[in-house]
C-alpha atoms as a PDB file:
ATOM      1  CA  UNK A   1       0.000   0.000   0.000  1.00  0.00           C
ATOM      2  CA  UNK A   2       1.297   3.442  -0.915  1.00  0.00           C
ATOM      3  CA  UNK A   3      -0.006   6.150   1.394  1.00  0.00           C
ATOM      4  CA  UNK A   4      -0.591   9.535  -0.206  1.00  0.00           C
ATOM      5  CA  UNK A   5      -0.211  12.678   1.892  1.00  0.00           C
ATOM      6  CA  UNK A   6      -2.275  14.960  -0.323  1.00  0.00           C
ATOM      7  CA  UNK A   7      -2.362  18.181   1.690  1.00  0.00           C
ATOM      8  CA  UNK A   8       0.117  20.266   3.621  1.00  0.00           C
ATOM      9  CA  UNK A   9      -0.129  18.871   7.171  1.00  0.00           C
ATOM     10  CA  UNK A  10      -1.670  20.926   9.932  1.00  0.00           C
ATOM     11  CA  UNK A  11       1.188  20.890  12.418  1.00  0.00           C
ATOM     12  CA  UNK A  12       0.278  24.007  14.337  1.00  0.00           C
ATOM     13  CA  UNK A  13       0.546  23.627  18.117  1.00  0.00           C
ATOM     14  CA  UNK A  14       2.362  20.307  17.767  1.00  0.00           C
ATOM     15  CA  UNK A  15       5.303  19.731  20.091  1.00  0.00           C
ATOM     16  CA  UNK A  16       8.695  19.881  18.427  1.00  0.00           C
ATOM     17  CA  UNK A  17       7.392  21.648  15.299  1.00  0.00           C
ATOM     18  CA  UNK A  18       7.952  25.198  14.097  1.00  0.00           C
ATOM     19  CA  UNK A  19       5.029  26.063  11.840  1.00  0.00           C
ATOM     20  CA  UNK A  20       4.205  28.982   9.532  1.00  0.00           C
ATOM     21  CA  UNK A  21       0.544  28.871   8.523  1.00  0.00           C
ATOM     22  CA  UNK A  22       0.040  26.406   5.647  1.00  0.00           C
ATOM     23  CA  UNK A  23       3.357  27.392   4.160  1.00  0.00           C
ATOM     24  CA  UNK A  24       6.338  25.855   5.906  1.00  0.00           C
ATOM     25  CA  UNK A  25       7.182  23.630   8.852  1.00  0.00           C
ATOM     26  CA  UNK A  26      10.491  22.697  10.473  1.00  0.00           C
ATOM     27  CA  UNK A  27      10.762  19.518  12.544  1.00  0.00           C
ATOM     28  CA  UNK A  28      13.548  17.804  14.480  1.00  0.00           C
ATOM     29  CA  UNK A  29      13.261  14.034  14.055  1.00  0.00           C
ATOM     30  CA  UNK A  30      14.635  13.194  17.501  1.00  0.00           C
ATOM     31  CA  UNK A  31      11.884  15.282  19.105  1.00  0.00           C
ATOM     32  CA  UNK A  32       8.893  14.150  17.076  1.00  0.00           C
ATOM     33  CA  UNK A  33       9.897  10.481  17.233  1.00  0.00           C
ATOM     34  CA  UNK A  34       9.469  10.590  21.008  1.00  0.00           C
ATOM     35  CA  UNK A  35       6.131  12.396  20.914  1.00  0.00           C
ATOM     36  CA  UNK A  36       2.918  10.431  21.366  1.00  0.00           C
ATOM     37  CA  UNK A  37       1.274  12.730  18.830  1.00  0.00           C
ATOM     38  CA  UNK A  38       3.570  11.430  16.101  1.00  0.00           C
ATOM     39  CA  UNK A  39       2.941   7.698  16.183  1.00  0.00           C
ATOM     40  CA  UNK A  40       2.578   7.879  12.412  1.00  0.00           C
ATOM     41  CA  UNK A  41       6.370   8.148  12.082  1.00  0.00           C
ATOM     42  CA  UNK A  42       6.339   4.353  11.757  1.00  0.00           C
ATOM     43  CA  UNK A  43       3.986   4.656   8.802  1.00  0.00           C
ATOM     44  CA  UNK A  44       6.848   6.207   6.838  1.00  0.00           C
ATOM     45  CA  UNK A  45       8.437   2.756   6.711  1.00  0.00           C
ATOM     46  CA  UNK A  46       5.775   1.779   4.159  1.00  0.00           C
ATOM     47  CA  UNK A  47       5.745   3.344   0.662  1.00  0.00           C
ATOM     48  CA  UNK A  48       4.285   6.843   0.665  1.00  0.00           C
ATOM     49  CA  UNK A  49       4.297  10.059  -1.329  1.00  0.00           C
ATOM     50  CA  UNK A  50       3.699  13.728  -0.604  1.00  0.00           C
ATOM     51  CA  UNK A  51       1.984  16.605  -2.389  1.00  0.00           C
ATOM     52  CA  UNK A  52       4.540  19.070  -1.013  1.00  0.00           C
ATOM     53  CA  UNK A  53       8.314  19.436  -0.913  1.00  0.00           C
ATOM     54  CA  UNK A  54      10.302  17.727   1.819  1.00  0.00           C
ATOM     55  CA  UNK A  55      13.916  18.586   2.553  1.00  0.00           C
ATOM     56  CA  UNK A  56      15.707  16.402   5.086  1.00  0.00           C
ATOM     57  CA  UNK A  57      19.108  17.258   6.528  1.00  0.00           C
ATOM     58  CA  UNK A  58      20.405  14.084   8.170  1.00  0.00           C
ATOM     59  CA  UNK A  59      22.839  14.858  10.990  1.00  0.00           C
ATOM     60  CA  UNK A  60      23.269  11.604  12.943  1.00  0.00           C
ATOM     61  CA  UNK A  61      22.804   7.842  12.859  1.00  0.00           C
ATOM     62  CA  UNK A  62      22.091   5.693   9.855  1.00  0.00           C
ATOM     63  CA  UNK A  63      19.107   4.631   7.775  1.00  0.00           C
ATOM     64  CA  UNK A  64      18.135   3.109   4.464  1.00  0.00           C
ATOM     65  CA  UNK A  65      15.616   4.790   2.162  1.00  0.00           C
ATOM     66  CA  UNK A  66      14.071   3.647  -1.092  1.00  0.00           C
ATOM     67  CA  UNK A  67      13.122   6.557  -3.340  1.00  0.00           C
ATOM     68  CA  UNK A  68      11.464   5.850  -6.691  1.00  0.00           C
ATOM     69  CA  UNK A  69      12.726   2.246  -6.511  1.00  0.00           C
ATOM     70  CA  UNK A  70      16.331   3.312  -5.893  1.00  0.00           C
ATOM     71  CA  UNK A  71      18.044   2.381  -2.596  1.00  0.00           C
ATOM     72  CA  UNK A  72      19.989   5.013  -0.638  1.00  0.00           C
ATOM     73  CA  UNK A  73      22.138   4.048   2.348  1.00  0.00           C
ATOM     74  CA  UNK A  74      22.832   6.871   4.805  1.00  0.00           C
ATOM     75  CA  UNK A  75      25.926   5.915   6.748  1.00  0.00           C
ATOM     76  CA  UNK A  76      26.920   6.799  10.266  1.00  0.00           C
ATOM     77  CA  UNK A  77      29.464   9.600  10.474  1.00  0.00           C
ATOM     78  CA  UNK A  78      28.288  11.411   7.334  1.00  0.00           C
ATOM     79  CA  UNK A  79      25.681  14.121   6.858  1.00  0.00           C
ATOM     80  CA  UNK A  80      23.238  14.250   3.992  1.00  0.00           C
ATOM     81  CA  UNK A  81      20.751  16.603   2.394  1.00  0.00           C
ATOM     82  CA  UNK A  82      17.838  14.917   0.641  1.00  0.00           C
ATOM     83  CA  UNK A  83      15.315  16.887  -1.432  1.00  0.00           C
ATOM     84  CA  UNK A  84      12.088  15.077  -2.204  1.00  0.00           C
ATOM     85  CA  UNK A  85       9.722  16.536  -4.775  1.00  0.00           C
ATOM     86  CA  UNK A  86       5.941  15.996  -4.787  1.00  0.00           C
ATOM     87  CA  UNK A  87       4.912  12.619  -6.162  1.00  0.00           C
ATOM     88  CA  UNK A  88       8.122  10.703  -5.497  1.00  0.00           C
ATOM     89  CA  UNK A  89       7.563   7.355  -3.767  1.00  0.00           C
ATOM     90  CA  UNK A  90       9.525   6.914  -0.543  1.00  0.00           C
ATOM     91  CA  UNK A  91       9.900   4.230   2.106  1.00  0.00           C
ATOM     92  CA  UNK A  92      12.243   4.341   5.097  1.00  0.00           C
ATOM     93  CA  UNK A  93      13.796   1.367   6.886  1.00  0.00           C
ATOM     94  CA  UNK A  94      16.695   0.339   9.139  1.00  0.00           C
ATOM     95  CA  UNK A  95      16.574   3.586  11.104  1.00  0.00           C
ATOM     96  CA  UNK A  96      19.089   3.481  13.947  1.00  0.00           C
ATOM     97  CA  UNK A  97      18.127   4.524  17.460  1.00  0.00           C
ATOM     98  CA  UNK A  98      20.421   7.544  17.264  1.00  0.00           C
ATOM     99  CA  UNK A  99      19.120   8.703  13.876  1.00  0.00           C
ATOM    100  CA  UNK A 100      18.423  12.423  13.780  1.00  0.00           C
ATOM    101  CA  UNK A 101      17.577  14.985  11.126  1.00  0.00           C
ATOM    102  CA  UNK A 102      16.099  18.385  10.491  1.00  0.00           C
ATOM    103  CA  UNK A 103      13.012  18.092   8.297  1.00  0.00           C
ATOM    104  CA  UNK A 104      11.584  21.010   6.343  1.00  0.00           C
ATOM    105  CA  UNK A 105       8.188  20.880   4.644  1.00  0.00           C
ATOM    106  CA  UNK A 106       7.240  23.496   2.068  1.00  0.00           C
ATOM    107  CA  UNK A 107       3.980  24.027   0.243  1.00  0.00           C
ATOM    108  CA  UNK A 108       3.996  24.310  -3.537  1.00  0.00           C
ATOM    109  CA  UNK A 109       2.830  27.934  -3.328  1.00  0.00           C
ATOM    110  CA  UNK A 110       5.703  28.869  -1.049  1.00  0.00           C
ATOM    111  CA  UNK A 111       8.264  27.261  -3.325  1.00  0.00           C
ATOM    112  CA  UNK A 112       6.800  28.925  -6.395  1.00  0.00           C
ATOM    113  CA  UNK A 113       7.163  32.325  -4.767  1.00  0.00           C
ATOM    114  CA  UNK A 114      10.751  31.414  -3.959  1.00  0.00           C
ATOM    115  CA  UNK A 115      11.395  30.599  -7.598  1.00  0.00           C
ATOM    116  CA  UNK A 116      10.371  34.130  -8.562  1.00  0.00           C
ATOM    117  CA  UNK A 117      13.385  35.423  -6.654  1.00  0.00           C
ATOM    118  CA  UNK A 118      15.742  32.832  -8.088  1.00  0.00           C
ATOM    119  CA  UNK A 119      14.920  33.605 -11.703  1.00  0.00           C
ATOM    120  CA  UNK A 120      15.687  31.178 -14.489  1.00  0.00           C
ATOM    121  CA  UNK A 121      18.404  29.145 -12.846  1.00  0.00           C
ATOM    122  CA  UNK A 122      17.594  25.965 -14.730  1.00  0.00           C
ATOM    123  CA  UNK A 123      20.111  23.761 -12.932  1.00  0.00           C
ATOM    124  CA  UNK A 124      18.555  24.611  -9.602  1.00  0.00           C
ATOM    125  CA  UNK A 125      15.023  24.035 -10.856  1.00  0.00           C
ATOM    126  CA  UNK A 126      16.120  20.623 -12.070  1.00  0.00           C
ATOM    127  CA  UNK A 127      17.459  19.753  -8.630  1.00  0.00           C
ATOM    128  CA  UNK A 128      14.021  20.331  -7.124  1.00  0.00           C
ATOM    129  CA  UNK A 129      12.501  17.608  -9.268  1.00  0.00           C
ATOM    130  CA  UNK A 130      15.113  15.024  -8.331  1.00  0.00           C
ATOM    131  CA  UNK A 131      16.320  13.314  -5.194  1.00  0.00           C
ATOM    132  CA  UNK A 132      19.652  14.844  -4.217  1.00  0.00           C
ATOM    133  CA  UNK A 133      22.037  13.455  -1.627  1.00  0.00           C
ATOM    134  CA  UNK A 134      24.735  15.702  -0.223  1.00  0.00           C
ATOM    135  CA  UNK A 135      27.490  14.296   1.958  1.00  0.00           C
ATOM    136  CA  UNK A 136      29.065  16.445   4.669  1.00  0.00           C
ATOM    137  CA  UNK A 137      31.018  19.421   3.344  1.00  0.00           C
ATOM    138  CA  UNK A 138      32.204  22.862   4.432  1.00  0.00           C
ATOM    139  CA  UNK A 139      28.651  24.223   4.162  1.00  0.00           C
ATOM    140  CA  UNK A 140      27.112  21.674   6.551  1.00  0.00           C
ATOM    141  CA  UNK A 141      27.414  23.623   9.782  1.00  0.00           C
ATOM    142  CA  UNK A 142      26.264  26.817   8.079  1.00  0.00           C
ATOM    143  CA  UNK A 143      23.160  24.978   6.862  1.00  0.00           C
ATOM    144  CA  UNK A 144      22.333  23.756  10.365  1.00  0.00           C
ATOM    145  CA  UNK A 145      22.801  27.233  11.760  1.00  0.00           C
ATOM    146  CA  UNK A 146      20.479  28.690   9.116  1.00  0.00           C
ATOM    147  CA  UNK A 147      17.815  26.059   9.871  1.00  0.00           C
ATOM    148  CA  UNK A 148      17.875  27.155  13.505  1.00  0.00           C
ATOM    149  CA  UNK A 149      17.696  30.773  12.375  1.00  0.00           C
ATOM    150  CA  UNK A 150      14.600  29.968  10.301  1.00  0.00           C
ATOM    151  CA  UNK A 151      12.925  28.425  13.331  1.00  0.00           C
ATOM    152  CA  UNK A 152      13.580  31.614  15.281  1.00  0.00           C
ATOM    153  CA  UNK A 153      12.199  33.717  12.429  1.00  0.00           C
ATOM    154  CA  UNK A 154       9.000  31.662  12.258  1.00  0.00           C
ATOM    155  CA  UNK A 155       8.547  31.980  16.020  1.00  0.00           C
ATOM    156  CA  UNK A 156       8.884  35.771  15.824  1.00  0.00           C
ATOM    157  CA  UNK A 157       5.175  36.274  15.214  1.00  0.00           C
ATOM    158  CA  UNK A 158       5.390  40.041  15.673  1.00  0.00           C
ATOM    159  CA  UNK A 159       7.652  40.398  12.642  1.00  0.00           C
ATOM    160  CA  UNK A 160       5.481  41.307   9.612  1.00  0.00           C
ATOM    161  CA  UNK A 161       8.358  40.449   7.253  1.00  0.00           C
ATOM    162  CA  UNK A 162       9.128  36.978   8.560  1.00  0.00           C
ATOM    163  CA  UNK A 163       8.000  35.188   5.398  1.00  0.00           C
ATOM    164  CA  UNK A 164      10.244  37.388   3.232  1.00  0.00           C
ATOM    165  CA  UNK A 165      13.171  36.861   5.584  1.00  0.00           C
ATOM    166  CA  UNK A 166      12.516  33.115   5.472  1.00  0.00           C
ATOM    167  CA  UNK A 167      12.643  33.101   1.695  1.00  0.00           C
ATOM    168  CA  UNK A 168      16.077  34.722   1.658  1.00  0.00           C
ATOM    169  CA  UNK A 169      17.521  32.411   4.311  1.00  0.00           C
ATOM    170  CA  UNK A 170      16.139  29.394   2.473  1.00  0.00           C
ATOM    171  CA  UNK A 171      17.720  30.568  -0.773  1.00  0.00           C
ATOM    172  CA  UNK A 172      21.073  30.690   1.034  1.00  0.00           C
ATOM    173  CA  UNK A 173      20.577  27.068   2.153  1.00  0.00           C
ATOM    174  CA  UNK A 174      19.660  25.956  -1.358  1.00  0.00           C
ATOM    175  CA  UNK A 175      22.588  27.647  -3.014  1.00  0.00           C
ATOM    176  CA  UNK A 176      24.961  26.408  -0.338  1.00  0.00           C
ATOM    177  CA  UNK A 177      23.908  22.795  -0.836  1.00  0.00           C
ATOM    178  CA  UNK A 178      23.801  23.168  -4.617  1.00  0.00           C
ATOM    179  CA  UNK A 179      27.569  23.626  -4.826  1.00  0.00           C
ATOM    180  CA  UNK A 180      28.192  20.395  -2.921  1.00  0.00           C
ATOM    181  CA  UNK A 181      25.558  18.617  -5.000  1.00  0.00           C
ATOM    182  CA  UNK A 182      27.244  19.631  -8.233  1.00  0.00           C
ATOM    183  CA  UNK A 183      30.591  18.405  -6.919  1.00  0.00           C
ATOM    184  CA  UNK A 184      29.196  14.999  -5.976  1.00  0.00           C
ATOM    185  CA  UNK A 185      27.391  14.598  -9.273  1.00  0.00           C
ATOM    186  CA  UNK A 186      30.632  15.348 -11.103  1.00  0.00           C
ATOM    187  CA  UNK A 187      32.465  12.750  -9.024  1.00  0.00           C
ATOM    188  CA  UNK A 188      29.754  10.133  -9.546  1.00  0.00           C
ATOM    189  CA  UNK A 189      29.082  10.655 -13.219  1.00  0.00           C
ATOM    190  CA  UNK A 190      28.486   7.375 -15.036  1.00  0.00           C
ATOM    191  CA  UNK A 191      31.809   6.082 -16.358  1.00  0.00           C
ATOM    192  CA  UNK A 192      30.718   3.725 -19.139  1.00  0.00           C
ATOM    193  CA  UNK A 193      28.520   4.291 -22.158  1.00  0.00           C
ATOM    194  CA  UNK A 194      26.086   1.684 -20.785  1.00  0.00           C
ATOM    195  CA  UNK A 195      25.817   3.606 -17.503  1.00  0.00           C
ATOM    196  CA  UNK A 196      25.191   6.845 -19.371  1.00  0.00           C
ATOM    197  CA  UNK A 197      22.470   5.292 -21.541  1.00  0.00           C
ATOM    198  CA  UNK A 198      20.775   3.700 -18.529  1.00  0.00           C
ATOM    199  CA  UNK A 199      20.895   6.915 -16.506  1.00  0.00           C
ATOM    200  CA  UNK A 200      19.381   8.931 -19.358  1.00  0.00           C
ATOM    201  CA  UNK A 201      16.757   6.253 -19.995  1.00  0.00           C
ATOM    202  CA  UNK A 202      15.555   6.237 -16.373  1.00  0.00           C
ATOM    203  CA  UNK A 203      15.382  10.033 -16.388  1.00  0.00           C
ATOM    204  CA  UNK A 204      13.247   9.894 -19.528  1.00  0.00           C
ATOM    205  CA  UNK A 205      10.963   7.245 -18.041  1.00  0.00           C
ATOM    206  CA  UNK A 206      10.475   9.231 -14.848  1.00  0.00           C
ATOM    207  CA  UNK A 207       9.446  12.266 -16.888  1.00  0.00           C
ATOM    208  CA  UNK A 208       7.242  10.520 -19.471  1.00  0.00           C
ATOM    209  CA  UNK A 209       5.864   7.192 -18.185  1.00  0.00           C
ATOM    210  CA  UNK A 210       2.352   8.584 -17.645  1.00  0.00           C
ATOM    211  CA  UNK A 211       2.025   9.268 -21.359  1.00  0.00           C
ATOM    212  CA  UNK A 212       4.529   6.981 -23.067  1.00  0.00           C
ATOM    213  CA  UNK A 213       4.893   3.230 -22.528  1.00  0.00           C
ATOM    214  CA  UNK A 214       6.321   2.204 -25.887  1.00  0.00           C
ATOM    215  CA  UNK A 215      10.008   1.292 -25.892  1.00  0.00           C
ATOM    216  CA  UNK A 216      10.376   2.920 -29.309  1.00  0.00           C
ATOM    217  CA  UNK A 217       9.615   6.338 -27.842  1.00  0.00           C
ATOM    218  CA  UNK A 218      12.528   6.094 -25.421  1.00  0.00           C
ATOM    219  CA  UNK A 219      14.985   4.539 -27.856  1.00  0.00           C
ATOM    220  CA  UNK A 220      14.215   7.314 -30.335  1.00  0.00           C
ATOM    221  CA  UNK A 221      14.835   9.932 -27.618  1.00  0.00           C
ATOM    222  CA  UNK A 222      18.228   8.326 -26.993  1.00  0.00           C
ATOM    223  CA  UNK A 223      18.982   7.782 -30.698  1.00  0.00           C
ATOM    224  CA  UNK A 224      19.510   4.015 -30.368  1.00  0.00           C
ATOM    225  CA  UNK A 225      17.509   0.931 -31.334  1.00  0.00           C
ATOM    226  CA  UNK A 226      14.919  -0.532 -28.933  1.00  0.00           C
ATOM    227  CA  UNK A 227      16.783  -3.857 -28.875  1.00  0.00           C
ATOM    228  CA  UNK A 228      20.076  -2.247 -27.933  1.00  0.00           C
ATOM    229  CA  UNK A 229      18.418  -0.079 -25.287  1.00  0.00           C
ATOM    230  CA  UNK A 230      16.759  -3.059 -23.625  1.00  0.00           C
ATOM    231  CA  UNK A 231      19.987  -5.092 -23.636  1.00  0.00           C
ATOM    232  CA  UNK A 232      22.059  -2.288 -22.121  1.00  0.00           C
ATOM    233  CA  UNK A 233      19.519  -1.467 -19.400  1.00  0.00           C
ATOM    234  CA  UNK A 234      19.247  -5.134 -18.420  1.00  0.00           C
ATOM    235  CA  UNK A 235      23.040  -5.472 -18.209  1.00  0.00           C
ATOM    236  CA  UNK A 236      23.287  -2.465 -15.887  1.00  0.00           C
ATOM    237  CA  UNK A 237      20.180  -2.900 -13.684  1.00  0.00           C
ATOM    238  CA  UNK A 238      19.085  -6.521 -14.014  1.00  0.00           C
ATOM    239  CA  UNK A 239      15.735  -5.447 -15.506  1.00  0.00           C
ATOM    240  CA  UNK A 240      14.811  -4.823 -19.120  1.00  0.00           C
ATOM    241  CA  UNK A 241      13.828  -1.350 -20.304  1.00  0.00           C
ATOM    242  CA  UNK A 242      10.214  -2.500 -20.743  1.00  0.00           C
ATOM    243  CA  UNK A 243      10.149  -3.828 -17.171  1.00  0.00           C
ATOM    244  CA  UNK A 244      11.304  -0.441 -15.850  1.00  0.00           C
ATOM    245  CA  UNK A 245       8.522   1.335 -17.712  1.00  0.00           C
ATOM    246  CA  UNK A 246       5.959  -1.125 -16.364  1.00  0.00           C
ATOM    247  CA  UNK A 247       7.255  -0.725 -12.792  1.00  0.00           C
ATOM    248  CA  UNK A 248       6.799   3.025 -12.925  1.00  0.00           C
ATOM    249  CA  UNK A 249       3.292   2.732 -14.381  1.00  0.00           C
ATOM    250  CA  UNK A 250       2.124   0.095 -11.905  1.00  0.00           C
ATOM    251  CA  UNK A 251       3.602   1.921  -8.895  1.00  0.00           C
ATOM    252  CA  UNK A 252       1.793   5.089  -9.900  1.00  0.00           C
ATOM    253  CA  UNK A 253      -1.442   3.187 -10.514  1.00  0.00           C
ATOM    254  CA  UNK A 254      -1.200   1.562  -7.077  1.00  0.00           C
ATOM    255  CA  UNK A 255      -0.606   4.934  -5.434  1.00  0.00           C
ATOM    256  CA  UNK A 256      -3.612   6.489  -7.180  1.00  0.00           C
ATOM    257  CA  UNK A 257      -5.866   3.530  -6.357  1.00  0.00           C
ATOM    258  CA  UNK A 258      -4.950   3.432  -2.676  1.00  0.00           C
ATOM    259  CA  UNK A 259      -4.469   7.072  -1.844  1.00  0.00           C
ATOM    260  CA  UNK A 260      -6.897   9.124  -3.928  1.00  0.00           C
ATOM    261  CA  UNK A 261     -10.634   9.268  -4.597  1.00  0.00           C
ATOM    262  CA  UNK A 262     -10.117   9.150  -8.344  1.00  0.00           C
ATOM    263  CA  UNK A 263     -12.327   6.678 -10.170  1.00  0.00           C
ATOM    264  CA  UNK A 264     -10.700   3.834 -12.076  1.00  0.00           C
ATOM    265  CA  UNK A 265     -11.726   5.560 -15.302  1.00  0.00           C
ATOM    266  CA  UNK A 266     -10.014   8.769 -14.148  1.00  0.00           C
ATOM    267  CA  UNK A 267      -6.856   6.839 -13.264  1.00  0.00           C
ATOM    268  CA  UNK A 268      -6.963   5.158 -16.656  1.00  0.00           C
ATOM    269  CA  UNK A 269      -7.175   8.579 -18.305  1.00  0.00           C
ATOM    270  CA  UNK A 270      -4.420   9.991 -16.064  1.00  0.00           C
ATOM    271  CA  UNK A 271      -2.082   7.219 -17.207  1.00  0.00           C
ATOM    272  CA  UNK A 272      -3.089   7.626 -20.847  1.00  0.00           C
ATOM    273  CA  UNK A 273      -4.675   4.205 -21.410  1.00  0.00           C
ATOM    274  CA  UNK A 274      -7.055   3.931 -24.379  1.00  0.00           C
ATOM    275  CA  UNK A 275      -9.861   2.586 -22.144  1.00  0.00           C
ATOM    276  CA  UNK A 276     -10.629   1.501 -18.607  1.00  0.00           C
ATOM    277  CA  UNK A 277     -10.837  -2.087 -19.819  1.00  0.00           C
ATOM    278  CA  UNK A 278      -7.348  -1.922 -21.313  1.00  0.00           C
ATOM    279  CA  UNK A 279      -6.015  -0.397 -18.107  1.00  0.00           C
ATOM    280  CA  UNK A 280      -7.659  -3.138 -16.033  1.00  0.00           C
ATOM    281  CA  UNK A 281      -6.069  -5.922 -18.087  1.00  0.00           C
ATOM    282  CA  UNK A 282      -2.657  -4.204 -18.026  1.00  0.00           C
ATOM    283  CA  UNK A 283      -2.798  -3.773 -14.243  1.00  0.00           C
ATOM    284  CA  UNK A 284      -4.034  -7.318 -13.562  1.00  0.00           C
ATOM    285  CA  UNK A 285      -1.284  -8.920 -15.656  1.00  0.00           C
ATOM    286  CA  UNK A 286       1.345  -7.119 -13.600  1.00  0.00           C
ATOM    287  CA  UNK A 287      -0.241  -6.831 -10.136  1.00  0.00           C
ATOM    288  CA  UNK A 288      -2.070 -10.173 -10.068  1.00  0.00           C
ATOM    289  CA  UNK A 289      -5.498  -8.617  -9.468  1.00  0.00           C
ATOM    290  CA  UNK A 290      -7.824  -6.073 -11.007  1.00  0.00           C
ATOM    291  CA  UNK A 291      -7.672  -2.381 -10.020  1.00  0.00           C
ATOM    292  CA  UNK A 292     -11.044  -2.777  -8.257  1.00  0.00           C
ATOM    293  CA  UNK A 293      -9.794  -5.747  -6.231  1.00  0.00           C
ATOM    294  CA  UNK A 294      -6.555  -3.988  -5.358  1.00  0.00           C
ATOM    295  CA  UNK A 295      -8.448  -0.933  -4.063  1.00  0.00           C
ATOM    296  CA  UNK A 296     -10.933  -3.087  -2.120  1.00  0.00           C
ATOM    297  CA  UNK A 297      -8.448  -5.223  -0.164  1.00  0.00           C
ATOM    298  CA  UNK A 298      -7.018  -2.108   1.552  1.00  0.00           C
END
């Protein structure tokens, strides 16, 4: 079951949370994990997705996350920044007892207003639609200090400019982490042509799977034959290119069936199937049951 958090959470008056209207919230994991009001922390161990941005700055302990079917191991002794965009599927496991992190939630409206200040920085916009991991660097302590500053700003309810001040501090955090992100990406660039093709293919699938399920579409985008694309992707990942496309489609269908009030016809349309009947057969072949049965079993 994939749980869908479809609205910005109402965290006002909750212990351990700094909250600004329905705009932004800052949490400290070690505090909320101990609170009786946050028993749903354990629910994050099952697949879930958000309709808002989540930025997590991991400062202690270790954990393993799966984000859009990719495993990330956060090791003890290192610090990480993880940006999660709306709609990405996340599950969290193997969280150590000493795990700790700052967690920032931002509504779409708040982030859009932030983008107005940042202009047309395309590389930064791209980072917001991807999962980004940043290992400890010279900016780490500055980031933590600025997170604490943001909490103080939010709590200063008499300041009529606190939202504007927040925007500028948050931009400093983003740009500070962006430099480290770019460095890590450069260091971890795919080294073989097969790695490059696979990386580009998965990026294309993530962007287009709701509308395009034909292997020919993706091979044409990459200027290679469908047969060669499938062989390369299987060699690198253990799954064929077609299997990756199907996994994305079925995961999204499961999320929509379990976590929204959309009808099966609406889901079929959302995923660009020619008919509800076609969608039902496609889903049943891959999930082992019909969409109606999958929704009913809870």
